[in-house]
Amino acid sequence: METLRDRLQKKQFVVTAEIQPPIGTGVEEVLRNIERVRGRVDGLIVPEFQIEGMVSDSLGTCKVLRENRYDPILQTTTREKNRVEIQSHLMSAAEAGIENVLAFTEDYRITGDSLQELMFFHVDSGKLFSVVENLRKGHDISGKEIGMKPDFCIGSGVESSWGKKVPDLELKEMEQMINFGTHYFLSTPVFDLDVFQKFLKSIESFRFPVIAEVILVRSASMAHFINRYVKPGLVPNHIIEKLARAPDKEKASQEIFADLIKGLKDLCQGIHIIPIGAEDRMQKYLDAAKLR
């Protein structure tokens, strides 16, 4: 099976998607939904999250995906974890055969629009990679041999909404993450191709893979919700207006997605789809964008 790492190394355009791990037991519905896009996505990102005190089993879901011949990507946050907790999480992932990790701090993942957030991310990324480096050498952070040398394909989050005004701190952080051994950067959600292109221009000296995050916005009300609770102004007005006017909102949503992908294919090395409840319809979006 060709892996995400393989396609990145070959400089091929990659497609990944986020799936929500079930709360409690059972992943049958998850497996039914992603079977529709088997062979069309290169990796499936499983995030950590909590709802009213219940914690999702992201690691267990990744293990099931691996057993069903998918290439899972374990997303983990680092803000609330110390090095011992990060190490335990990564060792459990390695023992389950999981080869991909995507790391964010929780606040950076949501906003990332202040130097304070970037400074938190700087501290946490150093904490993560200090653990990763020890594991790659076959021992834990105390120097004890662990009997394996896991070599994860690691993705790191970057804030791409700066355009060409990327702070020096983020540029230094990206350079450091490359030196640490990250394999690609995943951007924050992209809607404005001009802003994203300016961001890529600012970091082109790195010559490093960037995957653009794309949210499947299916209605004007969903767009307003994102702008209110995720980030103000994230979804542009022209997209909201098109969805509001469209008699067939699903078709309009797919057209918006296809137009965005058409532009991104010439800019970066892949896309990451955030379906937000539309996991069972992802194949229609892939069809609209002519993605495999």
Protein backbone atom coordinates (compact mmCIF):
# COMPACT_ATOMS: atom_id res chain seq x y z
CA MET A 1 0.00 0.00 0.00
CA GLU A 2 1.40 3.39 -1.02
CA THR A 3 1.56 5.60 2.04
CA LEU A 4 1.19 9.32 2.60
CA ARG A 5 4.96 9.52 3.14
CA ASP A 6 5.53 7.80 -0.22
CA ARG A 7 3.38 10.28 -2.13
CA LEU A 8 4.96 13.26 -0.38
CA GLN A 9 8.43 12.00 -1.26
CA LYS A 10 7.35 11.58 -4.89
CA LYS A 11 6.01 15.17 -4.84
CA GLN A 12 2.55 13.96 -5.86
CA PHE A 13 -0.60 15.92 -5.07
CA VAL A 14 -2.03 14.34 -1.92
CA VAL A 15 -5.54 14.27 -0.54
CA THR A 16 -6.26 13.70 3.14
CA ALA A 17 -9.49 13.98 5.06
CA GLU A 18 -10.59 14.32 8.66
CA ILE A 19 -12.95 11.80 10.21
CA GLN A 20 -14.48 12.08 13.65
CA PRO A 21 -13.77 9.15 15.97
CA PRO A 22 -16.91 7.76 17.60
CA ILE A 23 -17.70 8.61 21.20
CA GLY A 24 -17.92 5.33 23.08
CA THR A 25 -17.70 2.07 21.16
CA GLY A 26 -18.15 1.02 17.54
CA VAL A 27 -16.63 2.41 14.36
CA GLU A 28 -18.93 0.68 11.85
CA GLU A 29 -20.48 3.91 10.57
CA VAL A 30 -17.04 5.50 10.21
CA LEU A 31 -15.86 2.53 8.15
CA ARG A 32 -18.99 2.60 5.96
CA ASN A 33 -18.52 6.28 5.17
CA ILE A 34 -14.83 6.10 4.29
CA GLU A 35 -15.25 2.93 2.21
CA ARG A 36 -16.87 5.24 -0.36
CA VAL A 37 -13.55 7.09 -0.81
CA ARG A 38 -11.16 4.15 -0.54
CA GLY A 39 -8.23 4.68 -2.89
CA ARG A 40 -9.09 8.37 -3.32
CA VAL A 41 -7.59 9.73 -0.11
CA ASP A 42 -3.99 9.22 0.98
CA GLY A 43 -4.49 9.62 4.70
CA LEU A 44 -7.30 9.90 7.24
CA ILE A 45 -6.73 12.30 10.13
CA VAL A 46 -8.37 11.33 13.41
CA PRO A 47 -8.49 14.27 15.87
CA GLU A 48 -8.64 14.27 19.63
CA PHE A 49 -11.66 15.99 21.13
CA GLN A 50 -13.94 16.03 24.14
CA ILE A 51 -17.69 16.56 24.30
CA GLU A 52 -19.27 17.20 27.70
CA GLY A 53 -16.56 15.29 29.48
CA MET A 54 -16.54 12.30 27.09
CA VAL A 55 -13.24 11.67 25.34
CA SER A 56 -13.00 10.21 21.86
CA ASP A 57 -10.79 7.18 21.26
CA SER A 58 -8.67 8.63 18.47
CA LEU A 59 -5.87 6.11 18.96
CA GLY A 60 -8.28 3.17 18.90
CA THR A 61 -9.93 4.51 15.75
CA CYS A 62 -6.53 4.87 14.05
CA LYS A 63 -5.76 1.27 14.96
CA VAL A 64 -9.02 0.04 13.39
CA LEU A 65 -8.32 2.08 10.25
CA ARG A 66 -4.87 0.53 10.03
CA GLU A 67 -6.35 -2.96 10.37
CA ASN A 68 -8.71 -2.12 7.49
CA ARG A 69 -5.84 -1.08 5.18
CA TYR A 70 -6.14 2.70 5.49
CA ASP A 71 -3.28 5.06 6.31
CA PRO A 72 -4.40 6.80 9.53
CA ILE A 73 -2.94 10.05 10.84
CA LEU A 74 -3.12 10.50 14.60
CA GLN A 75 -3.78 14.15 15.41
CA THR A 76 -2.63 15.15 18.84
CA THR A 77 -2.52 18.32 20.86
CA THR A 78 0.44 19.17 23.05
CA ARG A 79 -0.64 22.14 25.21
CA GLU A 80 -2.04 20.03 28.06
CA LYS A 81 0.45 17.14 27.80
CA ASN A 82 3.87 16.87 29.40
CA ARG A 83 6.74 14.96 27.77
CA VAL A 84 5.89 11.71 29.57
CA GLU A 85 2.28 11.86 28.37
CA ILE A 86 3.34 12.65 24.80
CA GLN A 87 5.82 9.78 24.91
CA SER A 88 3.20 7.33 26.14
CA HIS A 89 0.78 8.42 23.41
CA LEU A 90 3.38 8.07 20.64
CA MET A 91 4.65 4.72 21.87
CA SER A 92 1.10 3.35 21.92
CA ALA A 93 0.66 4.64 18.36
CA ALA A 94 3.88 2.97 17.21
CA GLU A 95 2.88 -0.34 18.81
CA ALA A 96 -0.42 -0.15 16.90
CA GLY A 97 1.43 0.30 13.61
CA ILE A 98 0.43 3.96 13.19
CA GLU A 99 3.08 5.79 11.16
CA ASN A 100 1.63 9.31 10.84
CA VAL A 101 1.24 12.06 13.43
CA LEU A 102 -0.17 15.57 13.07
CA ALA A 103 0.58 17.90 15.96
CA PHE A 104 -1.04 21.17 17.05
CA THR A 105 -1.43 23.10 20.21
CA GLU A 106 -5.13 23.50 20.91
CA ASP A 107 -5.23 27.30 20.74
CA TYR A 108 -2.92 27.51 17.75
CA ARG A 109 -5.17 25.08 15.89
CA ILE A 110 -8.16 27.35 16.41
CA THR A 111 -6.72 30.84 16.03
CA GLY A 112 -2.99 31.23 15.60
CA ASP A 113 -3.40 34.92 14.89
CA SER A 114 -1.26 36.37 17.67
CA LEU A 115 2.38 36.23 18.62
CA GLN A 116 1.36 34.89 22.02
CA GLU A 117 -0.18 31.83 20.39
CA LEU A 118 2.90 31.36 18.22
CA MET A 119 5.12 31.49 21.27
CA PHE A 120 3.05 28.76 22.93
CA PHE A 121 3.34 26.71 19.76
CA HIS A 122 7.13 27.23 19.76
CA VAL A 123 7.45 25.78 23.26
CA ASP A 124 5.13 22.85 22.54
CA SER A 125 6.73 21.89 19.24
CA GLY A 126 10.11 21.70 20.95
CA LYS A 127 8.56 19.48 23.63
CA LEU A 128 7.06 17.17 21.01
CA PHE A 129 10.17 16.82 18.89
CA SER A 130 12.42 16.19 21.88
CA VAL A 131 10.30 13.09 22.54
CA VAL A 132 10.23 12.10 18.85
CA GLU A 133 14.02 12.36 18.56
CA ASN A 134 14.53 10.03 21.53
CA LEU A 135 12.07 7.47 20.16
CA ARG A 136 13.74 7.53 16.75
CA LYS A 137 16.98 6.52 18.47
CA GLY A 138 15.30 3.59 20.19
CA HIS A 139 15.04 4.89 23.74
CA ASP A 140 12.68 6.89 25.89
CA ILE A 141 13.29 10.34 27.35
CA SER A 142 15.06 8.81 30.35
CA GLY A 143 17.46 6.89 28.10
CA LYS A 144 15.86 3.45 28.60
CA GLU A 145 15.84 1.16 25.53
CA ILE A 146 12.31 0.61 24.18
CA GLY A 147 12.92 -2.21 21.69
CA MET A 148 11.81 -0.27 18.61
CA LYS A 149 12.74 2.84 16.63
CA PRO A 150 9.50 4.43 15.44
CA ASP A 151 9.98 6.88 12.59
CA PHE A 152 6.77 8.84 12.27
CA CYS A 153 5.77 10.91 9.27
CA ILE A 154 5.01 14.14 11.12
CA GLY A 155 2.87 17.04 9.99
CA SER A 156 2.99 20.42 11.71
CA GLY A 157 0.34 23.13 11.67
CA VAL A 158 1.06 26.61 10.32
CA GLU A 159 -1.04 29.76 10.24
CA SER A 160 -1.48 30.73 6.58
CA SER A 161 -3.87 33.69 6.86
CA TRP A 162 -1.00 36.17 7.27
CA GLY A 163 -0.58 36.43 3.51
CA LYS A 164 2.82 37.98 2.87
CA LYS A 165 3.05 39.46 6.39
CA VAL A 166 4.29 36.28 8.08
CA PRO A 167 5.86 37.13 11.47
CA ASP A 168 9.57 36.38 11.83
CA LEU A 169 8.73 34.14 14.78
CA GLU A 170 6.58 31.84 12.62
CA LEU A 171 9.26 31.70 9.91
CA LYS A 172 11.87 30.74 12.51
CA GLU A 173 9.51 28.18 13.98
CA MET A 174 8.90 26.61 10.57
CA GLU A 175 12.63 26.46 9.89
CA GLN A 176 13.20 24.81 13.25
CA MET A 177 10.45 22.25 12.65
CA ILE A 178 12.04 21.35 9.32
CA ASN A 179 15.37 20.87 11.06
CA PHE A 180 13.66 18.74 13.72
CA GLY A 181 12.36 16.42 11.01
CA THR A 182 8.77 17.36 10.22
CA HIS A 183 7.65 16.11 6.80
CA TYR A 184 5.00 18.65 5.77
CA PHE A 185 3.05 21.67 6.94
CA LEU A 186 -0.74 21.74 7.15
CA SER A 187 -2.22 25.19 6.73
CA THR A 188 -5.15 26.71 8.52
CA PRO A 189 -8.38 26.71 6.40
CA VAL A 190 -7.98 28.28 2.95
CA PHE A 191 -10.74 30.21 1.19
CA ASP A 192 -8.81 33.11 -0.36
CA LEU A 193 -6.35 31.84 -2.97
CA ASP A 194 -4.62 35.22 -3.30
CA VAL A 195 -3.83 35.40 0.41
CA PHE A 196 -2.68 31.78 0.43
CA GLN A 197 -0.46 32.34 -2.59
CA LYS A 198 1.18 35.31 -0.86
CA PHE A 199 1.81 33.15 2.20
CA LEU A 200 3.44 30.46 0.06
CA LYS A 201 5.55 33.10 -1.65
CA SER A 202 6.81 34.22 1.76
CA ILE A 203 7.98 30.72 2.64
CA GLU A 204 9.13 29.53 -0.80
CA SER A 205 12.79 29.55 0.31
CA PHE A 206 11.99 26.52 2.48
CA ARG A 207 11.01 24.46 -0.59
CA PHE A 208 8.85 22.31 1.65
CA PRO A 209 5.49 20.53 1.18
CA VAL A 210 2.40 22.47 2.26
CA ILE A 211 -1.05 20.88 2.39
CA ALA A 212 -4.01 23.28 2.33
CA GLU A 213 -6.93 22.70 4.67
CA VAL A 214 -10.33 23.01 3.00
CA ILE A 215 -13.67 23.08 4.85
CA LEU A 216 -16.79 21.77 3.11
CA VAL A 217 -19.13 24.72 3.68
CA ARG A 218 -22.61 23.56 2.71
CA SER A 219 -24.85 26.52 3.55
CA ALA A 220 -24.82 30.20 4.37
CA SER A 221 -25.83 29.43 7.95
CA MET A 222 -22.84 27.10 8.32
CA ALA A 223 -20.57 29.83 6.95
CA HIS A 224 -21.95 32.33 9.47
CA PHE A 225 -21.42 29.81 12.27
CA ILE A 226 -17.78 29.32 11.24
CA ASN A 227 -17.22 33.07 11.09
CA ARG A 228 -18.77 33.55 14.51
CA TYR A 229 -17.31 30.64 16.45
CA VAL A 230 -14.13 29.59 14.63
CA LYS A 231 -12.60 32.77 13.24
CA PRO A 232 -14.19 36.09 12.19
CA GLY A 233 -14.20 36.62 8.44
CA LEU A 234 -12.79 33.18 7.64
CA VAL A 235 -15.48 32.40 5.05
CA PRO A 236 -15.58 35.27 2.50
CA ASN A 237 -18.81 37.11 1.72
CA HIS A 238 -18.89 36.00 -1.91
CA ILE A 239 -19.07 32.36 -0.82
CA ILE A 240 -21.81 33.11 1.71
CA GLU A 241 -23.81 35.01 -0.91
CA LYS A 242 -23.49 32.21 -3.48
CA LEU A 243 -24.72 29.63 -0.98
CA ALA A 244 -27.57 31.88 0.17
CA ARG A 245 -28.81 32.47 -3.41
CA ALA A 246 -28.36 28.94 -4.74
CA PRO A 247 -31.53 26.87 -5.23
CA ASP A 248 -29.37 23.72 -4.99
CA LYS A 249 -27.05 24.41 -2.08
CA GLU A 250 -25.23 21.08 -2.25
CA LYS A 251 -24.37 21.63 -5.90
CA ALA A 252 -23.21 25.18 -5.12
CA SER A 253 -21.08 23.89 -2.27
CA GLN A 254 -19.46 21.33 -4.56
CA GLU A 255 -18.78 24.02 -7.18
CA ILE A 256 -17.09 26.21 -4.56
CA PHE A 257 -14.94 23.25 -3.50
CA ALA A 258 -14.04 22.36 -7.10
CA ASP A 259 -13.04 25.94 -7.94
CA LEU A 260 -10.86 26.12 -4.85
CA ILE A 261 -9.14 22.81 -5.62
CA LYS A 262 -8.49 23.88 -9.21
CA GLY A 263 -6.49 26.83 -7.90
CA LEU A 264 -4.76 24.93 -5.12
CA LYS A 265 -3.44 22.26 -7.49
CA ASP A 266 -1.10 24.85 -8.97
CA LEU A 267 -0.01 26.25 -5.60
CA CYS A 268 0.69 23.48 -3.08
CA GLN A 269 1.22 19.77 -2.68
CA GLY A 270 -2.16 18.69 -1.50
CA ILE A 271 -5.42 19.35 0.29
CA HIS A 272 -6.89 18.26 3.60
CA ILE A 273 -10.69 18.03 3.69
CA ILE A 274 -12.70 18.97 6.79
CA PRO A 275 -16.17 17.52 6.06
CA ILE A 276 -17.97 18.72 9.24
CA GLY A 277 -20.67 16.06 9.22
CA ALA A 278 -20.51 15.31 5.49
CA GLU A 279 -18.25 12.27 5.67
CA ASP A 280 -20.87 10.26 3.78
CA ARG A 281 -20.82 12.79 0.91
CA MET A 282 -17.11 13.30 0.43
CA GLN A 283 -17.07 11.22 -2.75
CA LYS A 284 -19.41 13.73 -4.43
CA TYR A 285 -16.98 16.55 -3.67
CA LEU A 286 -14.05 14.49 -4.96
CA ASP A 287 -16.05 13.82 -8.14
CA ALA A 288 -16.84 17.52 -8.58
CA ALA A 289 -13.15 18.43 -8.25
CA LYS A 290 -12.06 15.50 -10.46
CA LEU A 291 -9.81 14.12 -7.73
CA ARG A 292 -9.13 10.53 -8.75
